[in-house]
Amino acid sequence: MATKTGEPRTGRTAGAHPTRERILLATAELFRRQGYSATGMKQIVAAADAPFGSLYHFFPGGKEQLGAEVVRMAGSFFQELFATIARAAPDPLSAMHEYFAGAAQTLRDTNYEDACPIATVALETASTSETMRTATAEVFESWIEAGTRGFIASGLPGDTARELAISMIIALEGAFVLSRSMRTTEPLEVAGRAMVAELERALGQVRA
């Protein structure tokens, strides 16, 4: 999920190769902007300023292996980003508002080009590539589990927390599609208000 805080960064790890990192980051940006199918291997190495042979050296499984790694990398980044927003927010309602407000700001700042790469790839590949379908499914489930844990920590029962986490992801991803197509952040703003209201109702029921 794209937000106002920037794009995924892999972070330098011990033994990590800079060329491999450039390929991952370049691919992530291309997926966000144009999707999986429209992103070609030559375009990836050009964007990464890498020799063509290095792509198959680091990713012998080709585009599917590279795509699956990028999806998982981006999924981990955005999950941690949401956790950071939640920790900084004074309460769960403010955090929910910030999720959607940040996504809307990113679309405005990037002229509606940057959105969630996970949903884009999932829509393109779920019926054509089991490797990519599995990678996107794992990311979505990890987001649902993280959201569920967060809502439980806010006081919601487990079933309600999971339903709310799923609803939030559905609202965010659906609003991205409408906002990019309509060239307006109105869908994200409406979805954000709806999710804040839904969370407020759920918390109110628990307190009652």
N, C-alpha and C. Protein backbone atom coordinates (compact mmCIF):
# COMPACT_ATOMS: atom_id res chain seq x y z
N MET A 1 0.82 -1.19 0.00
CA MET A 1 0.00 0.00 0.00
C MET A 1 0.87 1.25 0.00
N ALA A 2 0.65 2.09 -0.98
CA ALA A 2 1.49 3.28 -1.07
C ALA A 2 1.08 4.28 -0.01
N THR A 3 2.03 5.03 0.52
CA THR A 3 1.73 6.03 1.51
C THR A 3 2.60 7.25 1.30
N LYS A 4 2.35 8.26 2.10
CA LYS A 4 3.07 9.51 1.94
C LYS A 4 4.51 9.42 2.41
N THR A 5 4.88 8.31 3.02
CA THR A 5 6.22 8.22 3.59
C THR A 5 7.25 7.69 2.63
N GLY A 6 6.86 7.30 1.42
CA GLY A 6 7.88 6.94 0.45
C GLY A 6 7.75 5.52 -0.04
N GLU A 7 8.78 5.08 -0.76
CA GLU A 7 8.75 3.79 -1.43
C GLU A 7 9.52 2.76 -0.62
N PRO A 8 9.32 1.46 -0.96
CA PRO A 8 10.01 0.41 -0.22
C PRO A 8 11.52 0.52 -0.33
N ARG A 9 12.19 0.28 0.77
CA ARG A 9 13.64 0.18 0.80
C ARG A 9 14.01 -1.16 1.41
N THR A 10 14.89 -1.90 0.75
CA THR A 10 15.23 -3.22 1.27
C THR A 10 16.07 -3.11 2.52
N GLY A 11 16.89 -2.06 2.64
CA GLY A 11 17.80 -1.97 3.78
C GLY A 11 19.03 -2.80 3.49
N ARG A 12 20.18 -2.25 3.72
CA ARG A 12 21.41 -2.97 3.45
C ARG A 12 21.64 -4.03 4.50
N THR A 13 21.78 -5.27 4.09
CA THR A 13 22.04 -6.37 4.99
C THR A 13 23.41 -6.95 4.73
N ALA A 14 23.92 -7.68 5.71
CA ALA A 14 25.25 -8.26 5.57
C ALA A 14 25.30 -9.16 4.36
N GLY A 15 26.27 -8.94 3.48
CA GLY A 15 26.43 -9.78 2.31
C GLY A 15 25.52 -9.42 1.15
N ALA A 16 24.66 -8.44 1.32
CA ALA A 16 23.75 -8.06 0.25
C ALA A 16 24.54 -7.44 -0.89
N HIS A 17 24.16 -7.76 -2.12
CA HIS A 17 24.85 -7.24 -3.29
C HIS A 17 24.13 -5.99 -3.79
N PRO A 18 24.85 -4.90 -4.01
CA PRO A 18 24.18 -3.66 -4.41
C PRO A 18 23.43 -3.78 -5.73
N THR A 19 23.95 -4.56 -6.68
CA THR A 19 23.25 -4.72 -7.95
C THR A 19 21.91 -5.43 -7.74
N ARG A 20 21.90 -6.45 -6.91
CA ARG A 20 20.67 -7.18 -6.61
C ARG A 20 19.65 -6.24 -5.96
N GLU A 21 20.10 -5.41 -5.04
CA GLU A 21 19.20 -4.46 -4.38
C GLU A 21 18.63 -3.47 -5.38
N ARG A 22 19.46 -2.99 -6.31
CA ARG A 22 18.97 -2.04 -7.31
C ARG A 22 17.91 -2.68 -8.20
N ILE A 23 18.11 -3.94 -8.54
CA ILE A 23 17.12 -4.64 -9.36
C ILE A 23 15.80 -4.77 -8.62
N LEU A 24 15.85 -5.14 -7.35
CA LEU A 24 14.63 -5.27 -6.56
C LEU A 24 13.89 -3.94 -6.45
N LEU A 25 14.63 -2.88 -6.15
CA LEU A 25 13.99 -1.57 -5.97
C LEU A 25 13.44 -1.03 -7.28
N ALA A 26 14.18 -1.21 -8.36
CA ALA A 26 13.70 -0.74 -9.67
C ALA A 26 12.44 -1.50 -10.07
N THR A 27 12.42 -2.80 -9.83
CA THR A 27 11.25 -3.61 -10.17
C THR A 27 10.05 -3.19 -9.33
N ALA A 28 10.26 -2.94 -8.05
CA ALA A 28 9.17 -2.52 -7.19
C ALA A 28 8.54 -1.22 -7.70
N GLU A 29 9.37 -0.28 -8.10
CA GLU A 29 8.84 0.99 -8.60
C GLU A 29 8.07 0.79 -9.89
N LEU A 30 8.60 -0.04 -10.80
CA LEU A 30 7.91 -0.29 -12.06
C LEU A 30 6.58 -1.00 -11.83
N PHE A 31 6.55 -1.95 -10.91
CA PHE A 31 5.29 -2.64 -10.61
C PHE A 31 4.26 -1.67 -10.08
N ARG A 32 4.68 -0.74 -9.21
CA ARG A 32 3.73 0.23 -8.65
C ARG A 32 3.13 1.11 -9.74
N ARG A 33 3.94 1.45 -10.70
CA ARG A 33 3.51 2.43 -11.71
C ARG A 33 2.81 1.80 -12.90
N GLN A 34 3.20 0.58 -13.29
CA GLN A 34 2.64 0.03 -14.52
C GLN A 34 2.23 -1.44 -14.42
N GLY A 35 2.45 -2.07 -13.27
CA GLY A 35 2.01 -3.44 -13.10
C GLY A 35 3.05 -4.47 -13.53
N TYR A 36 2.69 -5.72 -13.35
CA TYR A 36 3.59 -6.84 -13.61
C TYR A 36 3.75 -7.12 -15.10
N SER A 37 2.64 -7.27 -15.80
CA SER A 37 2.69 -7.70 -17.21
C SER A 37 3.38 -6.68 -18.10
N ALA A 38 3.18 -5.41 -17.81
CA ALA A 38 3.75 -4.36 -18.66
C ALA A 38 5.23 -4.11 -18.38
N THR A 39 5.76 -4.72 -17.33
CA THR A 39 7.15 -4.51 -16.96
C THR A 39 8.02 -5.59 -17.59
N GLY A 40 8.90 -5.19 -18.48
CA GLY A 40 9.77 -6.13 -19.17
C GLY A 40 11.14 -6.25 -18.51
N MET A 41 11.83 -7.33 -18.80
CA MET A 41 13.14 -7.57 -18.20
C MET A 41 14.16 -6.52 -18.64
N LYS A 42 14.13 -6.15 -19.89
CA LYS A 42 15.07 -5.12 -20.37
C LYS A 42 14.80 -3.78 -19.68
N GLN A 43 13.55 -3.49 -19.46
CA GLN A 43 13.18 -2.25 -18.78
C GLN A 43 13.69 -2.27 -17.34
N ILE A 44 13.62 -3.44 -16.70
CA ILE A 44 14.07 -3.57 -15.31
C ILE A 44 15.57 -3.30 -15.20
N VAL A 45 16.37 -3.95 -16.06
CA VAL A 45 17.82 -3.78 -15.94
C VAL A 45 18.23 -2.36 -16.32
N ALA A 46 17.48 -1.75 -17.24
CA ALA A 46 17.79 -0.37 -17.59
C ALA A 46 17.51 0.55 -16.41
N ALA A 47 16.37 0.35 -15.75
CA ALA A 47 16.01 1.18 -14.60
C ALA A 47 16.98 0.96 -13.44
N ALA A 48 17.49 -0.27 -13.32
CA ALA A 48 18.41 -0.60 -12.23
C ALA A 48 19.86 -0.30 -12.57
N ASP A 49 20.12 0.12 -13.82
CA ASP A 49 21.50 0.36 -14.29
C ASP A 49 22.37 -0.87 -14.01
N ALA A 50 21.86 -2.02 -14.47
CA ALA A 50 22.52 -3.29 -14.21
C ALA A 50 22.71 -4.06 -15.52
N PRO A 51 23.77 -4.87 -15.63
CA PRO A 51 23.95 -5.71 -16.81
C PRO A 51 22.80 -6.71 -16.93
N PHE A 52 22.39 -7.02 -18.15
CA PHE A 52 21.26 -7.92 -18.33
C PHE A 52 21.53 -9.28 -17.71
N GLY A 53 22.75 -9.76 -17.84
CA GLY A 53 23.09 -11.07 -17.29
C GLY A 53 22.96 -11.15 -15.79
N SER A 54 23.09 -10.00 -15.11
CA SER A 54 23.02 -10.02 -13.65
C SER A 54 21.62 -10.37 -13.17
N LEU A 55 20.61 -10.09 -13.99
CA LEU A 55 19.24 -10.38 -13.57
C LEU A 55 19.06 -11.89 -13.39
N TYR A 56 19.54 -12.67 -14.36
CA TYR A 56 19.41 -14.13 -14.25
C TYR A 56 20.45 -14.72 -13.31
N HIS A 57 21.52 -13.99 -13.07
CA HIS A 57 22.48 -14.45 -12.07
C HIS A 57 21.86 -14.42 -10.68
N PHE A 58 21.19 -13.33 -10.36
CA PHE A 58 20.58 -13.19 -9.04
C PHE A 58 19.20 -13.83 -8.95
N PHE A 59 18.52 -13.92 -10.09
CA PHE A 59 17.16 -14.47 -10.11
C PHE A 59 17.06 -15.51 -11.23
N PRO A 60 17.65 -16.69 -11.00
CA PRO A 60 17.68 -17.71 -12.05
C PRO A 60 16.28 -18.18 -12.47
N GLY A 61 15.30 -17.97 -11.61
CA GLY A 61 13.92 -18.32 -11.95
C GLY A 61 13.25 -17.30 -12.84
N GLY A 62 13.97 -16.27 -13.23
CA GLY A 62 13.44 -15.28 -14.15
C GLY A 62 12.46 -14.32 -13.52
N LYS A 63 11.54 -13.83 -14.33
CA LYS A 63 10.64 -12.77 -13.90
C LYS A 63 9.75 -13.21 -12.75
N GLU A 64 9.31 -14.47 -12.75
CA GLU A 64 8.44 -14.91 -11.67
C GLU A 64 9.16 -14.90 -10.32
N GLN A 65 10.41 -15.38 -10.30
CA GLN A 65 11.16 -15.36 -9.04
C GLN A 65 11.40 -13.94 -8.58
N LEU A 66 11.81 -13.08 -9.50
CA LEU A 66 12.03 -11.68 -9.17
C LEU A 66 10.73 -11.03 -8.69
N GLY A 67 9.64 -11.28 -9.40
CA GLY A 67 8.37 -10.69 -9.02
C GLY A 67 7.91 -11.12 -7.65
N ALA A 68 8.08 -12.41 -7.34
CA ALA A 68 7.65 -12.91 -6.03
C ALA A 68 8.48 -12.29 -4.92
N GLU A 69 9.78 -12.12 -5.14
CA GLU A 69 10.63 -11.50 -4.12
C GLU A 69 10.25 -10.03 -3.92
N VAL A 70 9.95 -9.35 -5.01
CA VAL A 70 9.57 -7.94 -4.91
C VAL A 70 8.24 -7.80 -4.16
N VAL A 71 7.30 -8.67 -4.45
CA VAL A 71 6.00 -8.62 -3.77
C VAL A 71 6.18 -8.82 -2.27
N ARG A 72 6.98 -9.80 -1.88
CA ARG A 72 7.19 -10.06 -0.45
C ARG A 72 7.96 -8.92 0.20
N MET A 73 8.93 -8.36 -0.50
CA MET A 73 9.68 -7.23 0.03
C MET A 73 8.76 -6.03 0.25
N ALA A 74 7.95 -5.72 -0.75
CA ALA A 74 7.04 -4.58 -0.62
C ALA A 74 6.00 -4.83 0.46
N GLY A 75 5.52 -6.07 0.55
CA GLY A 75 4.55 -6.39 1.59
C GLY A 75 5.10 -6.17 2.98
N SER A 76 6.35 -6.59 3.21
CA SER A 76 6.98 -6.40 4.51
C SER A 76 7.18 -4.92 4.82
N PHE A 77 7.57 -4.16 3.79
CA PHE A 77 7.79 -2.73 3.99
C PHE A 77 6.52 -2.03 4.43
N PHE A 78 5.42 -2.29 3.70
CA PHE A 78 4.18 -1.59 4.02
C PHE A 78 3.58 -2.05 5.34
N GLN A 79 3.79 -3.32 5.68
CA GLN A 79 3.31 -3.79 6.97
C GLN A 79 4.03 -3.06 8.10
N GLU A 80 5.33 -2.89 7.98
CA GLU A 80 6.08 -2.17 9.00
C GLU A 80 5.71 -0.69 9.01
N LEU A 81 5.44 -0.14 7.84
CA LEU A 81 5.04 1.26 7.75
C LEU A 81 3.73 1.50 8.49
N PHE A 82 2.77 0.60 8.30
CA PHE A 82 1.50 0.74 9.02
C PHE A 82 1.70 0.61 10.52
N ALA A 83 2.59 -0.30 10.91
CA ALA A 83 2.87 -0.46 12.34
C ALA A 83 3.49 0.81 12.90
N THR A 84 4.34 1.45 12.12
CA THR A 84 4.97 2.69 12.56
C THR A 84 3.93 3.80 12.73
N ILE A 85 3.01 3.89 11.76
CA ILE A 85 1.94 4.88 11.86
C ILE A 85 1.08 4.63 13.09
N ALA A 86 0.76 3.35 13.34
CA ALA A 86 -0.08 3.01 14.49
C ALA A 86 0.60 3.37 15.79
N ARG A 87 1.92 3.11 15.88
CA ARG A 87 2.64 3.42 17.12
C ARG A 87 2.70 4.92 17.37
N ALA A 88 2.76 5.71 16.30
CA ALA A 88 2.88 7.16 16.44
C ALA A 88 1.54 7.84 16.70
N ALA A 89 0.44 7.17 16.33
CA ALA A 89 -0.88 7.78 16.47
C ALA A 89 -1.33 7.75 17.93
N PRO A 90 -2.08 8.76 18.35
CA PRO A 90 -2.54 8.80 19.75
C PRO A 90 -3.61 7.76 20.07
N ASP A 91 -4.30 7.26 19.04
CA ASP A 91 -5.36 6.28 19.28
C ASP A 91 -5.64 5.55 17.96
N PRO A 92 -6.37 4.43 18.01
CA PRO A 92 -6.63 3.65 16.79
C PRO A 92 -7.39 4.43 15.71
N LEU A 93 -8.32 5.29 16.11
CA LEU A 93 -9.08 6.05 15.12
C LEU A 93 -8.18 7.00 14.35
N SER A 94 -7.25 7.64 15.04
CA SER A 94 -6.30 8.53 14.37
C SER A 94 -5.40 7.75 13.42
N ALA A 95 -4.99 6.55 13.83
CA ALA A 95 -4.15 5.71 12.98
C ALA A 95 -4.90 5.33 11.71
N MET A 96 -6.15 4.94 11.84
CA MET A 96 -6.95 4.57 10.67
C MET A 96 -7.06 5.75 9.71
N HIS A 97 -7.31 6.93 10.25
CA HIS A 97 -7.37 8.13 9.41
C HIS A 97 -6.06 8.36 8.68
N GLU A 98 -4.94 8.18 9.38
CA GLU A 98 -3.63 8.42 8.78
C GLU A 98 -3.33 7.45 7.65
N TYR A 99 -3.78 6.19 7.78
CA TYR A 99 -3.56 5.21 6.71
C TYR A 99 -4.11 5.73 5.39
N PHE A 100 -5.37 6.15 5.42
CA PHE A 100 -6.03 6.56 4.19
C PHE A 100 -5.58 7.95 3.74
N ALA A 101 -5.34 8.84 4.68
CA ALA A 101 -4.86 10.18 4.32
C ALA A 101 -3.48 10.09 3.67
N GLY A 102 -2.62 9.22 4.19
CA GLY A 102 -1.30 9.05 3.61
C GLY A 102 -1.36 8.49 2.21
N ALA A 103 -2.25 7.52 1.99
CA ALA A 103 -2.40 6.94 0.66
C ALA A 103 -2.88 8.00 -0.34
N ALA A 104 -3.83 8.81 0.09
CA ALA A 104 -4.34 9.87 -0.79
C ALA A 104 -3.25 10.88 -1.13
N GLN A 105 -2.44 11.23 -0.14
CA GLN A 105 -1.37 12.19 -0.37
C GLN A 105 -0.34 11.65 -1.37
N THR A 106 -0.04 10.36 -1.27
CA THR A 106 0.90 9.76 -2.20
C THR A 106 0.39 9.83 -3.62
N LEU A 107 -0.88 9.54 -3.83
CA LEU A 107 -1.44 9.63 -5.18
C LEU A 107 -1.35 11.05 -5.72
N ARG A 108 -1.66 12.02 -4.89
CA ARG A 108 -1.57 13.41 -5.35
C ARG A 108 -0.12 13.77 -5.68
N ASP A 109 0.79 13.37 -4.82
CA ASP A 109 2.20 13.73 -5.01
C ASP A 109 2.82 13.08 -6.23
N THR A 110 2.31 11.91 -6.63
CA THR A 110 2.89 11.18 -7.76
C THR A 110 2.01 11.23 -9.00
N ASN A 111 1.10 12.18 -9.04
CA ASN A 111 0.21 12.34 -10.19
C ASN A 111 -0.55 11.05 -10.48
N TYR A 112 -0.98 10.38 -9.42
CA TYR A 112 -1.80 9.17 -9.49
C TYR A 112 -1.07 7.98 -10.12
N GLU A 113 0.24 7.98 -10.05
CA GLU A 113 1.01 6.88 -10.62
C GLU A 113 1.35 5.80 -9.60
N ASP A 114 1.64 6.19 -8.37
CA ASP A 114 2.07 5.22 -7.36
C ASP A 114 0.88 4.73 -6.55
N ALA A 115 0.70 3.43 -6.55
CA ALA A 115 -0.34 2.83 -5.72
C ALA A 115 0.21 1.53 -5.15
N CYS A 116 -0.66 0.69 -4.66
CA CYS A 116 -0.22 -0.56 -4.04
C CYS A 116 0.20 -1.56 -5.10
N PRO A 117 1.47 -2.00 -5.10
CA PRO A 117 1.90 -2.97 -6.11
C PRO A 117 1.33 -4.36 -5.88
N ILE A 118 0.95 -4.67 -4.65
CA ILE A 118 0.49 -6.02 -4.35
C ILE A 118 -0.84 -6.29 -5.04
N ALA A 119 -1.80 -5.39 -4.88
CA ALA A 119 -3.11 -5.58 -5.50
C ALA A 119 -3.00 -5.57 -7.02
N THR A 120 -2.17 -4.68 -7.56
CA THR A 120 -1.99 -4.60 -9.01
C THR A 120 -1.49 -5.93 -9.56
N VAL A 121 -0.47 -6.48 -8.92
CA VAL A 121 0.10 -7.75 -9.37
C VAL A 121 -0.88 -8.89 -9.16
N ALA A 122 -1.59 -8.88 -8.03
CA ALA A 122 -2.54 -9.95 -7.74
C ALA A 122 -3.63 -10.02 -8.81
N LEU A 123 -4.15 -8.87 -9.21
CA LEU A 123 -5.20 -8.85 -10.23
C LEU A 123 -4.70 -9.39 -11.55
N GLU A 124 -3.45 -9.11 -11.88
CA GLU A 124 -2.91 -9.53 -13.16
C GLU A 124 -2.54 -11.01 -13.21
N THR A 125 -2.08 -11.55 -12.08
CA THR A 125 -1.42 -12.85 -12.12
C THR A 125 -2.13 -13.98 -11.38
N ALA A 126 -3.20 -13.68 -10.65
CA ALA A 126 -3.83 -14.71 -9.82
C ALA A 126 -4.29 -15.92 -10.62
N SER A 127 -4.66 -15.71 -11.88
CA SER A 127 -5.17 -16.81 -12.71
C SER A 127 -4.12 -17.36 -13.67
N THR A 128 -2.94 -16.76 -13.69
CA THR A 128 -1.95 -17.16 -14.70
C THR A 128 -0.64 -17.64 -14.11
N SER A 129 -0.34 -17.31 -12.86
CA SER A 129 0.93 -17.68 -12.26
C SER A 129 0.71 -18.08 -10.82
N GLU A 130 0.89 -19.36 -10.53
CA GLU A 130 0.72 -19.83 -9.16
C GLU A 130 1.79 -19.26 -8.25
N THR A 131 2.99 -19.06 -8.79
CA THR A 131 4.07 -18.46 -8.00
C THR A 131 3.70 -17.07 -7.52
N MET A 132 3.18 -16.25 -8.42
CA MET A 132 2.82 -14.88 -8.06
C MET A 132 1.55 -14.86 -7.21
N ARG A 133 0.60 -15.75 -7.51
CA ARG A 133 -0.62 -15.79 -6.70
C ARG A 133 -0.27 -16.13 -5.25
N THR A 134 0.61 -17.09 -5.07
CA THR A 134 1.01 -17.49 -3.73
C THR A 134 1.69 -16.34 -3.00
N ALA A 135 2.58 -15.63 -3.69
CA ALA A 135 3.30 -14.52 -3.06
C ALA A 135 2.35 -13.43 -2.62
N THR A 136 1.40 -13.05 -3.49
CA THR A 136 0.46 -11.98 -3.12
C THR A 136 -0.48 -12.45 -2.01
N ALA A 137 -0.89 -13.72 -2.05
CA ALA A 137 -1.77 -14.24 -1.00
C ALA A 137 -1.07 -14.22 0.36
N GLU A 138 0.22 -14.59 0.37
CA GLU A 138 0.98 -14.57 1.62
C GLU A 138 1.07 -13.16 2.19
N VAL A 139 1.26 -12.18 1.32
CA VAL A 139 1.35 -10.79 1.78
C VAL A 139 0.01 -10.34 2.35
N PHE A 140 -1.07 -10.60 1.63
CA PHE A 140 -2.38 -10.17 2.12
C PHE A 140 -2.69 -10.83 3.47
N GLU A 141 -2.39 -12.12 3.61
CA GLU A 141 -2.67 -12.80 4.86
C GLU A 141 -1.81 -12.22 5.99
N SER A 142 -0.55 -11.88 5.68
CA SER A 142 0.30 -11.28 6.72
C SER A 142 -0.24 -9.93 7.15
N TRP A 143 -0.81 -9.16 6.21
CA TRP A 143 -1.42 -7.88 6.55
C TRP A 143 -2.66 -8.09 7.42
N ILE A 144 -3.47 -9.08 7.05
CA ILE A 144 -4.67 -9.37 7.83
C ILE A 144 -4.29 -9.78 9.25
N GLU A 145 -3.30 -10.64 9.37
CA GLU A 145 -2.88 -11.08 10.71
C GLU A 145 -2.33 -9.92 11.53
N ALA A 146 -1.53 -9.06 10.89
CA ALA A 146 -0.99 -7.91 11.62
C ALA A 146 -2.10 -6.96 12.04
N GLY A 147 -3.04 -6.70 11.13
CA GLY A 147 -4.16 -5.84 11.47
C GLY A 147 -5.02 -6.42 12.57
N THR A 148 -5.22 -7.73 12.51
CA THR A 148 -6.01 -8.39 13.54
C THR A 148 -5.35 -8.24 14.91
N ARG A 149 -4.05 -8.45 14.95
CA ARG A 149 -3.34 -8.29 16.23
C ARG A 149 -3.47 -6.86 16.75
N GLY A 150 -3.36 -5.90 15.85
CA GLY A 150 -3.47 -4.50 16.26
C GLY A 150 -4.84 -4.17 16.82
N PHE A 151 -5.89 -4.65 16.16
CA PHE A 151 -7.25 -4.36 16.63
C PHE A 151 -7.55 -5.11 17.93
N ILE A 152 -7.01 -6.31 18.08
CA ILE A 152 -7.18 -7.02 19.35
C ILE A 152 -6.52 -6.23 20.48
N ALA A 153 -5.33 -5.68 20.19
CA ALA A 153 -4.64 -4.87 21.20
C ALA A 153 -5.44 -3.63 21.56
N SER A 154 -6.32 -3.19 20.65
CA SER A 154 -7.17 -2.03 20.93
C SER A 154 -8.41 -2.41 21.74
N GLY A 155 -8.59 -3.70 21.95
CA GLY A 155 -9.71 -4.13 22.78
C GLY A 155 -10.80 -4.89 22.07
N LEU A 156 -10.65 -5.12 20.74
CA LEU A 156 -11.69 -5.82 20.00
C LEU A 156 -11.54 -7.33 20.13
N PRO A 157 -12.65 -8.07 20.12
CA PRO A 157 -12.56 -9.54 20.11
C PRO A 157 -11.96 -10.04 18.80
N GLY A 158 -11.43 -11.26 18.82
CA GLY A 158 -10.67 -11.77 17.69
C GLY A 158 -11.43 -11.78 16.37
N ASP A 159 -12.68 -12.30 16.37
CA ASP A 159 -13.45 -12.38 15.13
C ASP A 159 -13.72 -10.99 14.56
N THR A 160 -14.09 -10.07 15.43
CA THR A 160 -14.35 -8.70 14.98
C THR A 160 -13.07 -8.05 14.46
N ALA A 161 -11.96 -8.29 15.14
CA ALA A 161 -10.69 -7.71 14.74
C ALA A 161 -10.28 -8.19 13.36
N ARG A 162 -10.45 -9.48 13.08
CA ARG A 162 -10.07 -10.01 11.76
C ARG A 162 -10.99 -9.46 10.67
N GLU A 163 -12.28 -9.42 10.94
CA GLU A 163 -13.20 -8.86 9.95
C GLU A 163 -12.87 -7.41 9.64
N LEU A 164 -12.52 -6.65 10.66
CA LEU A 164 -12.19 -5.25 10.45
C LEU A 164 -10.89 -5.10 9.65
N ALA A 165 -9.92 -5.96 9.93
CA ALA A 165 -8.66 -5.92 9.19
C ALA A 165 -8.90 -6.22 7.72
N ILE A 166 -9.72 -7.22 7.44
CA ILE A 166 -10.04 -7.54 6.04
C ILE A 166 -10.79 -6.39 5.39
N SER A 167 -11.75 -5.81 6.10
CA SER A 167 -12.53 -4.69 5.56
C SER A 167 -11.62 -3.51 5.23
N MET A 168 -10.65 -3.24 6.09
CA MET A 168 -9.75 -2.12 5.86
C MET A 168 -8.94 -2.31 4.58
N ILE A 169 -8.43 -3.53 4.37
CA ILE A 169 -7.64 -3.80 3.17
C ILE A 169 -8.51 -3.72 1.93
N ILE A 170 -9.71 -4.27 2.00
CA ILE A 170 -10.63 -4.18 0.87
C ILE A 170 -10.93 -2.72 0.54
N ALA A 171 -11.22 -1.92 1.56
CA ALA A 171 -11.56 -0.51 1.34
C ALA A 171 -10.38 0.24 0.73
N LEU A 172 -9.19 -0.01 1.25
CA LEU A 172 -8.01 0.70 0.77
C LEU A 172 -7.68 0.34 -0.67
N GLU A 173 -7.67 -0.97 -0.97
CA GLU A 173 -7.30 -1.40 -2.31
C GLU A 173 -8.37 -1.00 -3.33
N GLY A 174 -9.64 -1.13 -2.96
CA GLY A 174 -10.70 -0.72 -3.87
C GLY A 174 -10.67 0.77 -4.14
N ALA A 175 -10.39 1.55 -3.10
CA ALA A 175 -10.32 3.01 -3.26
C ALA A 175 -9.15 3.41 -4.14
N PHE A 176 -8.04 2.66 -4.06
CA PHE A 176 -6.91 2.93 -4.95
C PHE A 176 -7.33 2.81 -6.41
N VAL A 177 -8.07 1.76 -6.73
CA VAL A 177 -8.49 1.53 -8.11
C VAL A 177 -9.35 2.69 -8.61
N LEU A 178 -10.35 3.06 -7.81
CA LEU A 178 -11.23 4.16 -8.21
C LEU A 178 -10.47 5.47 -8.31
N SER A 179 -9.61 5.74 -7.35
CA SER A 179 -8.90 7.03 -7.33
C SER A 179 -7.97 7.17 -8.53
N ARG A 180 -7.26 6.09 -8.87
CA ARG A 180 -6.35 6.17 -10.02
C ARG A 180 -7.13 6.32 -11.33
N SER A 181 -8.26 5.63 -11.44
CA SER A 181 -9.07 5.71 -12.65
C SER A 181 -9.75 7.06 -12.79
N MET A 182 -10.29 7.58 -11.69
CA MET A 182 -11.05 8.82 -11.71
C MET A 182 -10.16 10.05 -11.55
N ARG A 183 -8.88 9.82 -11.20
CA ARG A 183 -7.93 10.92 -10.99
C ARG A 183 -8.41 11.88 -9.90
N THR A 184 -8.87 11.30 -8.83
CA THR A 184 -9.30 12.08 -7.68
C THR A 184 -9.11 11.23 -6.43
N THR A 185 -8.78 11.86 -5.32
CA THR A 185 -8.63 11.11 -4.07
C THR A 185 -9.94 10.98 -3.31
N GLU A 186 -11.04 11.42 -3.91
CA GLU A 186 -12.33 11.33 -3.23
C GLU A 186 -12.64 9.91 -2.76
N PRO A 187 -12.44 8.87 -3.58
CA PRO A 187 -12.73 7.51 -3.10
C PRO A 187 -11.91 7.13 -1.86
N LEU A 188 -10.65 7.52 -1.81
CA LEU A 188 -9.84 7.22 -0.63
C LEU A 188 -10.34 7.99 0.59
N GLU A 189 -10.76 9.22 0.38
CA GLU A 189 -11.28 10.02 1.49
C GLU A 189 -12.58 9.43 2.02
N VAL A 190 -13.46 9.01 1.11
CA VAL A 190 -14.73 8.40 1.52
C VAL A 190 -14.47 7.07 2.24
N ALA A 191 -13.57 6.26 1.68
CA ALA A 191 -13.24 4.98 2.30
C ALA A 191 -12.62 5.17 3.67
N GLY A 192 -11.78 6.17 3.81
CA GLY A 192 -11.16 6.45 5.10
C GLY A 192 -12.17 6.83 6.15
N ARG A 193 -13.11 7.70 5.78
CA ARG A 193 -14.15 8.10 6.74
C ARG A 193 -15.02 6.90 7.13
N ALA A 194 -15.32 6.05 6.15
CA ALA A 194 -16.16 4.88 6.42
C ALA A 194 -15.45 3.92 7.37
N MET A 195 -14.15 3.71 7.19
CA MET A 195 -13.43 2.79 8.06
C MET A 195 -13.23 3.35 9.45
N VAL A 196 -13.03 4.65 9.56
CA VAL A 196 -12.95 5.27 10.89
C VAL A 196 -14.28 5.09 11.62
N ALA A 197 -15.38 5.30 10.90
CA ALA A 197 -16.70 5.14 11.52
C ALA A 197 -16.95 3.68 11.92
N GLU A 198 -16.53 2.75 11.08
CA GLU A 198 -16.72 1.33 11.40
C GLU A 198 -15.90 0.93 12.62
N LEU A 199 -14.67 1.42 12.69
CA LEU A 199 -13.83 1.13 13.85
C LEU A 199 -14.41 1.76 15.10
N GLU A 200 -14.91 2.98 14.97
CA GLU A 200 -15.50 3.66 16.13
C GLU A 200 -16.71 2.89 16.65
N ARG A 201 -17.53 2.38 15.74
CA ARG A 201 -18.70 1.59 16.16
C ARG A 201 -18.26 0.31 16.88
N ALA A 202 -17.23 -0.35 16.33
CA ALA A 202 -16.77 -1.60 16.94
C ALA A 202 -16.21 -1.36 18.34
N LEU A 203 -15.44 -0.30 18.49
CA LEU A 203 -14.89 0.03 19.80
C LEU A 203 -15.99 0.44 20.78
N GLY A 204 -17.00 1.15 20.26
CA GLY A 204 -18.11 1.56 21.11
C GLY A 204 -18.89 0.37 21.65
N GLN A 205 -19.08 -0.64 20.81
CA GLN A 205 -19.81 -1.83 21.24
C GLN A 205 -19.06 -2.57 22.35
N VAL A 206 -17.73 -2.61 22.23
CA VAL A 206 -16.94 -3.27 23.26
C VAL A 206 -17.03 -2.50 24.58
N ARG A 207 -16.94 -1.19 24.51
CA ARG A 207 -17.01 -0.38 25.73
C ARG A 207 -18.37 -0.45 26.37
N ALA A 208 -19.40 -0.56 25.53
CA ALA A 208 -20.76 -0.65 26.07
C ALA A 208 -20.98 -1.96 26.80
